[in-house]
Amino acid sequence: MDGFFHWLGDAIGRVIRTVVGLLDSVFGGLWRAMDGFVDGLTQALGISDSLLSLGVLVIGVLLLISGVRALLRGGVVGGVIGLLLGLLVLGWLIQ
C-alpha cells in the first residue's frame, strides 16, 4: 500500500511541475516580449525606461489623440490646444 501512495504523490508532483513549467514559459515569453517592446520604444525615443517616463509618454500621446479627435469633430480651438499641449509634453520628454 505504501508504494501506491508514493507513486500517486510522484504522479501528482510531476503533473504540477509540468503545469508550472508550462505557465512559466508562457508568461515568461510574454514578459520578455513586453520588455523588448519597451526597450525598443524608449531607445528609439531617447528616453529612460522608468515608469514616470512611460507615464508621461502615454499622457502626451493621449493629448495628441484628443487634439486630433477635436479637430475631426470641428473644434478648432480645442484641437489646436490639445495638439500644442501634446507636442509640449512629448517635446519636453524627448529632449
PDB file of N, CA and C in Angstrom:
ATOM      1  N   MET A   1       0.815  -1.179   0.000  1.00  0.00           N
ATOM      2  CA  MET A   1       0.000   0.000   0.000  1.00  0.00           C
ATOM      3  C   MET A   1       0.867   1.254   0.000  1.00  0.00           C
ATOM      4  N   ASP A   2       2.020   1.165   0.657  1.00  0.00           N
ATOM      5  CA  ASP A   2       2.916   2.319   0.745  1.00  0.00           C
ATOM      6  C   ASP A   2       3.430   2.708  -0.637  1.00  0.00           C
ATOM      7  N   GLY A   3       3.688   1.735  -1.485  1.00  0.00           N
ATOM      8  CA  GLY A   3       4.178   2.001  -2.828  1.00  0.00           C
ATOM      9  C   GLY A   3       3.153   2.727  -3.681  1.00  0.00           C
ATOM     10  N   PHE A   4       1.867   2.424  -3.480  1.00  0.00           N
ATOM     11  CA  PHE A   4       0.821   3.076  -4.243  1.00  0.00           C
ATOM     12  C   PHE A   4       0.775   4.572  -3.951  1.00  0.00           C
ATOM     13  N   PHE A   5       0.825   4.939  -2.683  1.00  0.00           N
ATOM     14  CA  PHE A   5       0.758   6.353  -2.329  1.00  0.00           C
ATOM     15  C   PHE A   5       2.022   7.099  -2.750  1.00  0.00           C
ATOM     16  N   HIS A   6       3.133   6.411  -2.718  1.00  0.00           N
ATOM     17  CA  HIS A   6       4.367   7.020  -3.219  1.00  0.00           C
ATOM     18  C   HIS A   6       4.233   7.308  -4.713  1.00  0.00           C
ATOM     19  N   TRP A   7       3.712   6.334  -5.447  1.00  0.00           N
ATOM     20  CA  TRP A   7       3.511   6.511  -6.888  1.00  0.00           C
ATOM     21  C   TRP A   7       2.513   7.634  -7.157  1.00  0.00           C
ATOM     22  N   LEU A   8       1.407   7.682  -6.401  1.00  0.00           N
ATOM     23  CA  LEU A   8       0.386   8.715  -6.586  1.00  0.00           C
ATOM     24  C   LEU A   8       0.958  10.108  -6.298  1.00  0.00           C
ATOM     25  N   GLY A   9       1.693  10.240  -5.227  1.00  0.00           N
ATOM     26  CA  GLY A   9       2.319  11.531  -4.901  1.00  0.00           C
ATOM     27  C   GLY A   9       3.313  11.944  -5.962  1.00  0.00           C
ATOM     28  N   ASP A  10       4.072  11.002  -6.460  1.00  0.00           N
ATOM     29  CA  ASP A  10       5.039  11.293  -7.516  1.00  0.00           C
ATOM     30  C   ASP A  10       4.336  11.741  -8.792  1.00  0.00           C
ATOM     31  N   ALA A  11       3.242  11.066  -9.150  1.00  0.00           N
ATOM     32  CA  ALA A  11       2.495  11.420 -10.366  1.00  0.00           C
ATOM     33  C   ALA A  11       1.885  12.813 -10.242  1.00  0.00           C
ATOM     34  N   ILE A  12       1.279  13.103  -9.102  1.00  0.00           N
ATOM     35  CA  ILE A  12       0.678  14.431  -8.905  1.00  0.00           C
ATOM     36  C   ILE A  12       1.763  15.503  -8.914  1.00  0.00           C
ATOM     37  N   GLY A  13       2.901  15.221  -8.301  1.00  0.00           N
ATOM     38  CA  GLY A  13       4.014  16.172  -8.303  1.00  0.00           C
ATOM     39  C   GLY A  13       4.523  16.463  -9.711  1.00  0.00           C
ATOM     40  N   ARG A  14       4.602  15.447 -10.543  1.00  0.00           N
ATOM     41  CA  ARG A  14       5.048  15.642 -11.923  1.00  0.00           C
ATOM     42  C   ARG A  14       4.046  16.465 -12.727  1.00  0.00           C
ATOM     43  N   VAL A  15       2.754  16.213 -12.507  1.00  0.00           N
ATOM     44  CA  VAL A  15       1.729  16.991 -13.207  1.00  0.00           C
ATOM     45  C   VAL A  15       1.814  18.458 -12.798  1.00  0.00           C
ATOM     46  N   ILE A  16       1.938  18.712 -11.503  1.00  0.00           N
ATOM     47  CA  ILE A  16       2.044  20.093 -11.025  1.00  0.00           C
ATOM     48  C   ILE A  16       3.288  20.755 -11.591  1.00  0.00           C
ATOM     49  N   ARG A  17       4.404  20.026 -11.603  1.00  0.00           N
ATOM     50  CA  ARG A  17       5.649  20.589 -12.129  1.00  0.00           C
ATOM     51  C   ARG A  17       5.512  20.910 -13.613  1.00  0.00           C
ATOM     52  N   THR A  18       4.821  20.083 -14.382  1.00  0.00           N
ATOM     53  CA  THR A  18       4.609  20.317 -15.807  1.00  0.00           C
ATOM     54  C   THR A  18       3.738  21.553 -16.022  1.00  0.00           C
ATOM     55  N   VAL A  19       2.663  21.667 -15.243  1.00  0.00           N
ATOM     56  CA  VAL A  19       1.774  22.818 -15.376  1.00  0.00           C
ATOM     57  C   VAL A  19       2.511  24.104 -15.025  1.00  0.00           C
ATOM     58  N   VAL A  20       3.275  24.086 -13.954  1.00  0.00           N
ATOM     59  CA  VAL A  20       4.036  25.274 -13.547  1.00  0.00           C
ATOM     60  C   VAL A  20       5.079  25.620 -14.601  1.00  0.00           C
ATOM     61  N   GLY A  21       5.746  24.649 -15.153  1.00  0.00           N
ATOM     62  CA  GLY A  21       6.720  24.909 -16.211  1.00  0.00           C
ATOM     63  C   GLY A  21       6.080  25.482 -17.459  1.00  0.00           C
ATOM     64  N   LEU A  22       4.912  24.979 -17.809  1.00  0.00           N
ATOM     65  CA  LEU A  22       4.187  25.489 -18.972  1.00  0.00           C
ATOM     66  C   LEU A  22       3.760  26.937 -18.750  1.00  0.00           C
ATOM     67  N   LEU A  23       3.184  27.220 -17.591  1.00  0.00           N
ATOM     68  CA  LEU A  23       2.761  28.593 -17.287  1.00  0.00           C
ATOM     69  C   LEU A  23       3.957  29.543 -17.227  1.00  0.00           C
ATOM     70  N   ASP A  24       5.070  29.066 -16.692  1.00  0.00           N
ATOM     71  CA  ASP A  24       6.272  29.895 -16.633  1.00  0.00           C
ATOM     72  C   ASP A  24       6.773  30.225 -18.030  1.00  0.00           C
ATOM     73  N   SER A  25       6.745  29.272 -18.932  1.00  0.00           N
ATOM     74  CA  SER A  25       7.223  29.544 -20.290  1.00  0.00           C
ATOM     75  C   SER A  25       6.287  30.487 -21.029  1.00  0.00           C
ATOM     76  N   VAL A  26       4.967  30.355 -20.821  1.00  0.00           N
ATOM     77  CA  VAL A  26       4.009  31.234 -21.491  1.00  0.00           C
ATOM     78  C   VAL A  26       4.148  32.660 -20.976  1.00  0.00           C
ATOM     79  N   PHE A  27       4.072  32.830 -19.651  1.00  0.00           N
ATOM     80  CA  PHE A  27       4.126  34.175 -19.096  1.00  0.00           C
ATOM     81  C   PHE A  27       5.530  34.759 -19.142  1.00  0.00           C
ATOM     82  N   GLY A  28       6.542  33.921 -19.083  1.00  0.00           N
ATOM     83  CA  GLY A  28       7.912  34.399 -19.240  1.00  0.00           C
ATOM     84  C   GLY A  28       8.152  34.939 -20.636  1.00  0.00           C
ATOM     85  N   GLY A  29       7.620  34.261 -21.645  1.00  0.00           N
ATOM     86  CA  GLY A  29       7.731  34.749 -23.022  1.00  0.00           C
ATOM     87  C   GLY A  29       6.979  36.040 -23.219  1.00  0.00           C
ATOM     88  N   LEU A  30       5.821  36.153 -22.614  1.00  0.00           N
ATOM     89  CA  LEU A  30       5.043  37.386 -22.695  1.00  0.00           C
ATOM     90  C   LEU A  30       5.784  38.530 -22.027  1.00  0.00           C
ATOM     91  N   TRP A  31       6.388  38.265 -20.872  1.00  0.00           N
ATOM     92  CA  TRP A  31       7.147  39.292 -20.156  1.00  0.00           C
ATOM     93  C   TRP A  31       8.362  39.736 -20.972  1.00  0.00           C
ATOM     94  N   ARG A  32       9.065  38.787 -21.592  1.00  0.00           N
ATOM     95  CA  ARG A  32      10.227  39.138 -22.422  1.00  0.00           C
ATOM     96  C   ARG A  32       9.808  39.950 -23.636  1.00  0.00           C
ATOM     97  N   ALA A  33       8.648  39.643 -24.209  1.00  0.00           N
ATOM     98  CA  ALA A  33       8.153  40.401 -25.356  1.00  0.00           C
ATOM     99  C   ALA A  33       7.817  41.836 -24.951  1.00  0.00           C
ATOM    100  N   MET A  34       7.157  42.004 -23.816  1.00  0.00           N
ATOM    101  CA  MET A  34       6.837  43.358 -23.340  1.00  0.00           C
ATOM    102  C   MET A  34       8.101  44.131 -23.016  1.00  0.00           C
ATOM    103  N   ASP A  35       9.067  43.465 -22.415  1.00  0.00           N
ATOM    104  CA  ASP A  35      10.330  44.117 -22.077  1.00  0.00           C
ATOM    105  C   ASP A  35      11.070  44.552 -23.337  1.00  0.00           C
ATOM    106  N   GLY A  36      11.082  43.714 -24.349  1.00  0.00           N
ATOM    107  CA  GLY A  36      11.716  44.077 -25.609  1.00  0.00           C
ATOM    108  C   GLY A  36      11.015  45.245 -26.286  1.00  0.00           C
ATOM    109  N   PHE A  37       9.683  45.270 -26.234  1.00  0.00           N
ATOM    110  CA  PHE A  37       8.926  46.377 -26.819  1.00  0.00           C
ATOM    111  C   PHE A  37       9.259  47.688 -26.117  1.00  0.00           C
ATOM    112  N   VAL A  38       9.248  47.677 -24.796  1.00  0.00           N
ATOM    113  CA  VAL A  38       9.535  48.896 -24.037  1.00  0.00           C
ATOM    114  C   VAL A  38      10.972  49.346 -24.272  1.00  0.00           C
ATOM    115  N   ASP A  39      11.912  48.414 -24.313  1.00  0.00           N
ATOM    116  CA  ASP A  39      13.306  48.777 -24.586  1.00  0.00           C
ATOM    117  C   ASP A  39      13.457  49.402 -25.964  1.00  0.00           C
ATOM    118  N   GLY A  40      12.838  48.819 -26.964  1.00  0.00           N
ATOM    119  CA  GLY A  40      12.923  49.370 -28.312  1.00  0.00           C
ATOM    120  C   GLY A  40      12.274  50.735 -28.412  1.00  0.00           C
ATOM    121  N   LEU A  41      11.127  50.902 -27.790  1.00  0.00           N
ATOM    122  CA  LEU A  41      10.418  52.179 -27.822  1.00  0.00           C
ATOM    123  C   LEU A  41      11.214  53.275 -27.128  1.00  0.00           C
ATOM    124  N   THR A  42      11.731  52.985 -25.947  1.00  0.00           N
ATOM    125  CA  THR A  42      12.463  54.007 -25.212  1.00  0.00           C
ATOM    126  C   THR A  42      13.801  54.329 -25.871  1.00  0.00           C
ATOM    127  N   GLN A  43      14.453  53.352 -26.461  1.00  0.00           N
ATOM    128  CA  GLN A  43      15.713  53.636 -27.161  1.00  0.00           C
ATOM    129  C   GLN A  43      15.474  54.455 -28.405  1.00  0.00           C
ATOM    130  N   ALA A  44      14.382  54.192 -29.126  1.00  0.00           N
ATOM    131  CA  ALA A  44      14.084  54.952 -30.338  1.00  0.00           C
ATOM    132  C   ALA A  44      13.751  56.402 -30.006  1.00  0.00           C
ATOM    133  N   LEU A  45      13.097  56.625 -28.874  1.00  0.00           N
ATOM    134  CA  LEU A  45      12.735  57.983 -28.486  1.00  0.00           C
ATOM    135  C   LEU A  45      13.835  58.683 -27.705  1.00  0.00           C
ATOM    136  N   GLY A  46      14.794  57.934 -27.209  1.00  0.00           N
ATOM    137  CA  GLY A  46      15.887  58.517 -26.445  1.00  0.00           C
ATOM    138  C   GLY A  46      15.481  58.898 -25.038  1.00  0.00           C
ATOM    139  N   ILE A  47      14.575  58.134 -24.434  1.00  0.00           N
ATOM    140  CA  ILE A  47      14.139  58.403 -23.071  1.00  0.00           C
ATOM    141  C   ILE A  47      14.500  57.217 -22.192  1.00  0.00           C
ATOM    142  N   SER A  48      14.416  57.431 -20.879  1.00  0.00           N
ATOM    143  CA  SER A  48      14.694  56.319 -19.966  1.00  0.00           C
ATOM    144  C   SER A  48      13.486  55.391 -19.915  1.00  0.00           C
ATOM    145  N   ASP A  49      13.697  54.194 -19.421  1.00  0.00           N
ATOM    146  CA  ASP A  49      12.609  53.214 -19.375  1.00  0.00           C
ATOM    147  C   ASP A  49      11.948  53.158 -17.999  1.00  0.00           C
ATOM    148  N   SER A  50      11.909  54.292 -17.295  1.00  0.00           N
ATOM    149  CA  SER A  50      11.254  54.334 -15.987  1.00  0.00           C
ATOM    150  C   SER A  50       9.743  54.460 -16.161  1.00  0.00           C
ATOM    151  N   LEU A  51       9.026  54.124 -15.110  1.00  0.00           N
ATOM    152  CA  LEU A  51       7.570  54.213 -15.156  1.00  0.00           C
ATOM    153  C   LEU A  51       7.107  55.655 -15.318  1.00  0.00           C
ATOM    154  N   LEU A  52       7.837  56.593 -14.742  1.00  0.00           N
ATOM    155  CA  LEU A  52       7.477  58.003 -14.877  1.00  0.00           C
ATOM    156  C   LEU A  52       7.581  58.451 -16.328  1.00  0.00           C
ATOM    157  N   SER A  53       8.647  58.094 -16.996  1.00  0.00           N
ATOM    158  CA  SER A  53       8.815  58.461 -18.402  1.00  0.00           C
ATOM    159  C   SER A  53       7.748  57.822 -19.277  1.00  0.00           C
ATOM    160  N   LEU A  54       7.435  56.569 -19.005  1.00  0.00           N
ATOM    161  CA  LEU A  54       6.393  55.899 -19.781  1.00  0.00           C
ATOM    162  C   LEU A  54       5.025  56.514 -19.514  1.00  0.00           C
ATOM    163  N   GLY A  55       4.770  56.922 -18.279  1.00  0.00           N
ATOM    164  CA  GLY A  55       3.513  57.586 -17.956  1.00  0.00           C
ATOM    165  C   GLY A  55       3.385  58.929 -18.657  1.00  0.00           C
ATOM    166  N   VAL A  56       4.457  59.698 -18.678  1.00  0.00           N
ATOM    167  CA  VAL A  56       4.441  60.990 -19.377  1.00  0.00           C
ATOM    168  C   VAL A  56       4.272  60.773 -20.877  1.00  0.00           C
ATOM    169  N   LEU A  57       4.880  59.732 -21.411  1.00  0.00           N
ATOM    170  CA  LEU A  57       4.719  59.407 -22.831  1.00  0.00           C
ATOM    171  C   LEU A  57       3.265  59.093 -23.153  1.00  0.00           C
ATOM    172  N   VAL A  58       2.616  58.313 -22.308  1.00  0.00           N
ATOM    173  CA  VAL A  58       1.206  57.965 -22.531  1.00  0.00           C
ATOM    174  C   VAL A  58       0.338  59.217 -22.448  1.00  0.00           C
ATOM    175  N   ILE A  59       0.603  60.088 -21.480  1.00  0.00           N
ATOM    176  CA  ILE A  59      -0.168  61.327 -21.352  1.00  0.00           C
ATOM    177  C   ILE A  59       0.008  62.194 -22.596  1.00  0.00           C
ATOM    178  N   GLY A  60       1.233  62.326 -23.093  1.00  0.00           N
ATOM    179  CA  GLY A  60       1.472  63.115 -24.293  1.00  0.00           C
ATOM    180  C   GLY A  60       0.757  62.564 -25.512  1.00  0.00           C
ATOM    181  N   VAL A  61       0.803  61.251 -25.670  1.00  0.00           N
ATOM    182  CA  VAL A  61       0.128  60.629 -26.814  1.00  0.00           C
ATOM    183  C   VAL A  61      -1.387  60.787 -26.689  1.00  0.00           C
ATOM    184  N   LEU A  62      -1.918  60.658 -25.477  1.00  0.00           N
ATOM    185  CA  LEU A  62      -3.356  60.860 -25.285  1.00  0.00           C
ATOM    186  C   LEU A  62      -3.771  62.296 -25.583  1.00  0.00           C
ATOM    187  N   LEU A  63      -2.929  63.257 -25.241  1.00  0.00           N
ATOM    188  CA  LEU A  63      -3.222  64.651 -25.577  1.00  0.00           C
ATOM    189  C   LEU A  63      -3.234  64.862 -27.085  1.00  0.00           C
ATOM    190  N   LEU A  64      -2.293  64.243 -27.784  1.00  0.00           N
ATOM    191  CA  LEU A  64      -2.287  64.341 -29.246  1.00  0.00           C
ATOM    192  C   LEU A  64      -3.539  63.707 -29.848  1.00  0.00           C
ATOM    193  N   ILE A  65      -3.919  62.555 -29.353  1.00  0.00           N
ATOM    194  CA  ILE A  65      -5.126  61.892 -29.859  1.00  0.00           C
ATOM    195  C   ILE A  65      -6.354  62.748 -29.579  1.00  0.00           C
ATOM    196  N   SER A  66      -6.409  63.335 -28.395  1.00  0.00           N
ATOM    197  CA  SER A  66      -7.530  64.200 -28.049  1.00  0.00           C
ATOM    198  C   SER A  66      -7.592  65.413 -28.977  1.00  0.00           C
ATOM    199  N   GLY A  67      -6.441  65.987 -29.293  1.00  0.00           N
ATOM    200  CA  GLY A  67      -6.412  67.117 -30.208  1.00  0.00           C
ATOM    201  C   GLY A  67      -6.872  66.753 -31.605  1.00  0.00           C
ATOM    202  N   VAL A  68      -6.435  65.614 -32.091  1.00  0.00           N
ATOM    203  CA  VAL A  68      -6.846  65.167 -33.428  1.00  0.00           C
ATOM    204  C   VAL A  68      -8.345  64.875 -33.451  1.00  0.00           C
ATOM    205  N   ARG A  69      -8.863  64.238 -32.408  1.00  0.00           N
ATOM    206  CA  ARG A  69     -10.301  63.948 -32.353  1.00  0.00           C
ATOM    207  C   ARG A  69     -11.118  65.238 -32.306  1.00  0.00           C
ATOM    208  N   ALA A  70     -10.619  66.240 -31.582  1.00  0.00           N
ATOM    209  CA  ALA A  70     -11.332  67.513 -31.520  1.00  0.00           C
ATOM    210  C   ALA A  70     -11.328  68.194 -32.884  1.00  0.00           C
ATOM    211  N   LEU A  71     -10.213  68.108 -33.587  1.00  0.00           N
ATOM    212  CA  LEU A  71     -10.158  68.692 -34.931  1.00  0.00           C
ATOM    213  C   LEU A  71     -11.112  67.975 -35.882  1.00  0.00           C
ATOM    214  N   LEU A  72     -11.208  66.672 -35.769  1.00  0.00           N
ATOM    215  CA  LEU A  72     -12.108  65.920 -36.635  1.00  0.00           C
ATOM    216  C   LEU A  72     -13.579  66.219 -36.343  1.00  0.00           C
ATOM    217  N   ARG A  73     -13.883  66.567 -35.087  1.00  0.00           N
ATOM    218  CA  ARG A  73     -15.251  66.939 -34.733  1.00  0.00           C
ATOM    219  C   ARG A  73     -15.568  68.384 -35.094  1.00  0.00           C
ATOM    220  N   GLY A  74     -14.565  69.145 -35.474  1.00  0.00           N
ATOM    221  CA  GLY A  74     -14.782  70.535 -35.864  1.00  0.00           C
ATOM    222  C   GLY A  74     -14.409  71.534 -34.786  1.00  0.00           C
ATOM    223  N   GLY A  75     -13.876  71.106 -33.700  1.00  0.00           N
ATOM    224  CA  GLY A  75     -13.454  72.015 -32.626  1.00  0.00           C
ATOM    225  C   GLY A  75     -12.030  72.473 -32.866  1.00  0.00           C
ATOM    226  N   VAL A  76     -11.895  73.570 -33.573  1.00  0.00           N
ATOM    227  CA  VAL A  76     -10.568  74.037 -33.972  1.00  0.00           C
ATOM    228  C   VAL A  76      -9.755  74.478 -32.760  1.00  0.00           C
ATOM    229  N   VAL A  77     -10.363  75.276 -31.876  1.00  0.00           N
ATOM    230  CA  VAL A  77      -9.625  75.796 -30.719  1.00  0.00           C
ATOM    231  C   VAL A  77      -9.201  74.649 -29.802  1.00  0.00           C
ATOM    232  N   GLY A  78     -10.135  73.757 -29.481  1.00  0.00           N
ATOM    233  CA  GLY A  78      -9.800  72.622 -28.628  1.00  0.00           C
ATOM    234  C   GLY A  78      -8.785  71.698 -29.271  1.00  0.00           C
ATOM    235  N   GLY A  79      -8.888  71.513 -30.568  1.00  0.00           N
ATOM    236  CA  GLY A  79      -7.933  70.673 -31.275  1.00  0.00           C
ATOM    237  C   GLY A  79      -6.540  71.243 -31.270  1.00  0.00           C
ATOM    238  N   VAL A  80      -6.444  72.540 -31.518  1.00  0.00           N
ATOM    239  CA  VAL A  80      -5.126  73.182 -31.524  1.00  0.00           C
ATOM    240  C   VAL A  80      -4.511  73.163 -30.129  1.00  0.00           C
ATOM    241  N   ILE A  81      -5.335  73.423 -29.115  1.00  0.00           N
ATOM    242  CA  ILE A  81      -4.820  73.394 -27.740  1.00  0.00           C
ATOM    243  C   ILE A  81      -4.361  71.980 -27.376  1.00  0.00           C
ATOM    244  N   GLY A  82      -5.139  70.976 -27.722  1.00  0.00           N
ATOM    245  CA  GLY A  82      -4.748  69.590 -27.436  1.00  0.00           C
ATOM    246  C   GLY A  82      -3.460  69.201 -28.144  1.00  0.00           C
ATOM    247  N   LEU A  83      -3.350  69.585 -29.410  1.00  0.00           N
ATOM    248  CA  LEU A  83      -2.124  69.268 -30.158  1.00  0.00           C
ATOM    249  C   LEU A  83      -0.915  69.996 -29.584  1.00  0.00           C
ATOM    250  N   LEU A  84      -1.081  71.262 -29.237  1.00  0.00           N
ATOM    251  CA  LEU A  84       0.046  72.016 -28.665  1.00  0.00           C
ATOM    252  C   LEU A  84       0.472  71.451 -27.315  1.00  0.00           C
ATOM    253  N   LEU A  85      -0.496  71.097 -26.474  1.00  0.00           N
ATOM    254  CA  LEU A  85      -0.135  70.503 -25.178  1.00  0.00           C
ATOM    255  C   LEU A  85       0.553  69.146 -25.364  1.00  0.00           C
ATOM    256  N   GLY A  86       0.047  68.342 -26.275  1.00  0.00           N
ATOM    257  CA  GLY A  86       0.685  67.047 -26.542  1.00  0.00           C
ATOM    258  C   GLY A  86       2.096  67.209 -27.069  1.00  0.00           C
ATOM    259  N   LEU A  87       2.277  68.146 -27.998  1.00  0.00           N
ATOM    260  CA  LEU A  87       3.623  68.391 -28.523  1.00  0.00           C
ATOM    261  C   LEU A  87       4.544  68.964 -27.461  1.00  0.00           C
ATOM    262  N   LEU A  88       4.015  69.812 -26.579  1.00  0.00           N
ATOM    263  CA  LEU A  88       4.819  70.368 -25.497  1.00  0.00           C
ATOM    264  C   LEU A  88       5.293  69.272 -24.552  1.00  0.00           C
ATOM    265  N   VAL A  89       4.380  68.384 -24.157  1.00  0.00           N
ATOM    266  CA  VAL A  89       4.736  67.298 -23.242  1.00  0.00           C
ATOM    267  C   VAL A  89       5.731  66.339 -23.895  1.00  0.00           C
ATOM    268  N   LEU A  90       5.460  65.943 -25.136  1.00  0.00           N
ATOM    269  CA  LEU A  90       6.360  64.995 -25.804  1.00  0.00           C
ATOM    270  C   LEU A  90       7.706  65.639 -26.140  1.00  0.00           C
ATOM    271  N   GLY A  91       7.687  66.906 -26.527  1.00  0.00           N
ATOM    272  CA  GLY A  91       8.953  67.598 -26.778  1.00  0.00           C
ATOM    273  C   GLY A  91       9.806  67.707 -25.530  1.00  0.00           C
ATOM    274  N   TRP A  92       9.154  67.987 -24.397  1.00  0.00           N
ATOM    275  CA  TRP A  92       9.894  68.058 -23.126  1.00  0.00           C
ATOM    276  C   TRP A  92      10.459  66.695 -22.771  1.00  0.00           C
ATOM    277  N   LEU A  93       9.692  65.642 -23.003  1.00  0.00           N
ATOM    278  CA  LEU A  93      10.135  64.297 -22.642  1.00  0.00           C
ATOM    279  C   LEU A  93      11.301  63.836 -23.504  1.00  0.00           C
ATOM    280  N   ILE A  94      11.239  64.100 -24.782  1.00  0.00           N
ATOM    281  CA  ILE A  94      12.237  63.573 -25.714  1.00  0.00           C
ATOM    282  C   ILE A  94      13.537  64.371 -25.637  1.00  0.00           C
ATOM    283  N   GLN A  95      13.474  65.602 -25.231  1.00  0.00           N
ATOM    284  CA  GLN A  95      14.706  66.435 -25.155  1.00  0.00           C
ATOM    285  C   GLN A  95      15.727  65.864 -24.249  1.00  0.00           C
TER     286      GLN A  95
END
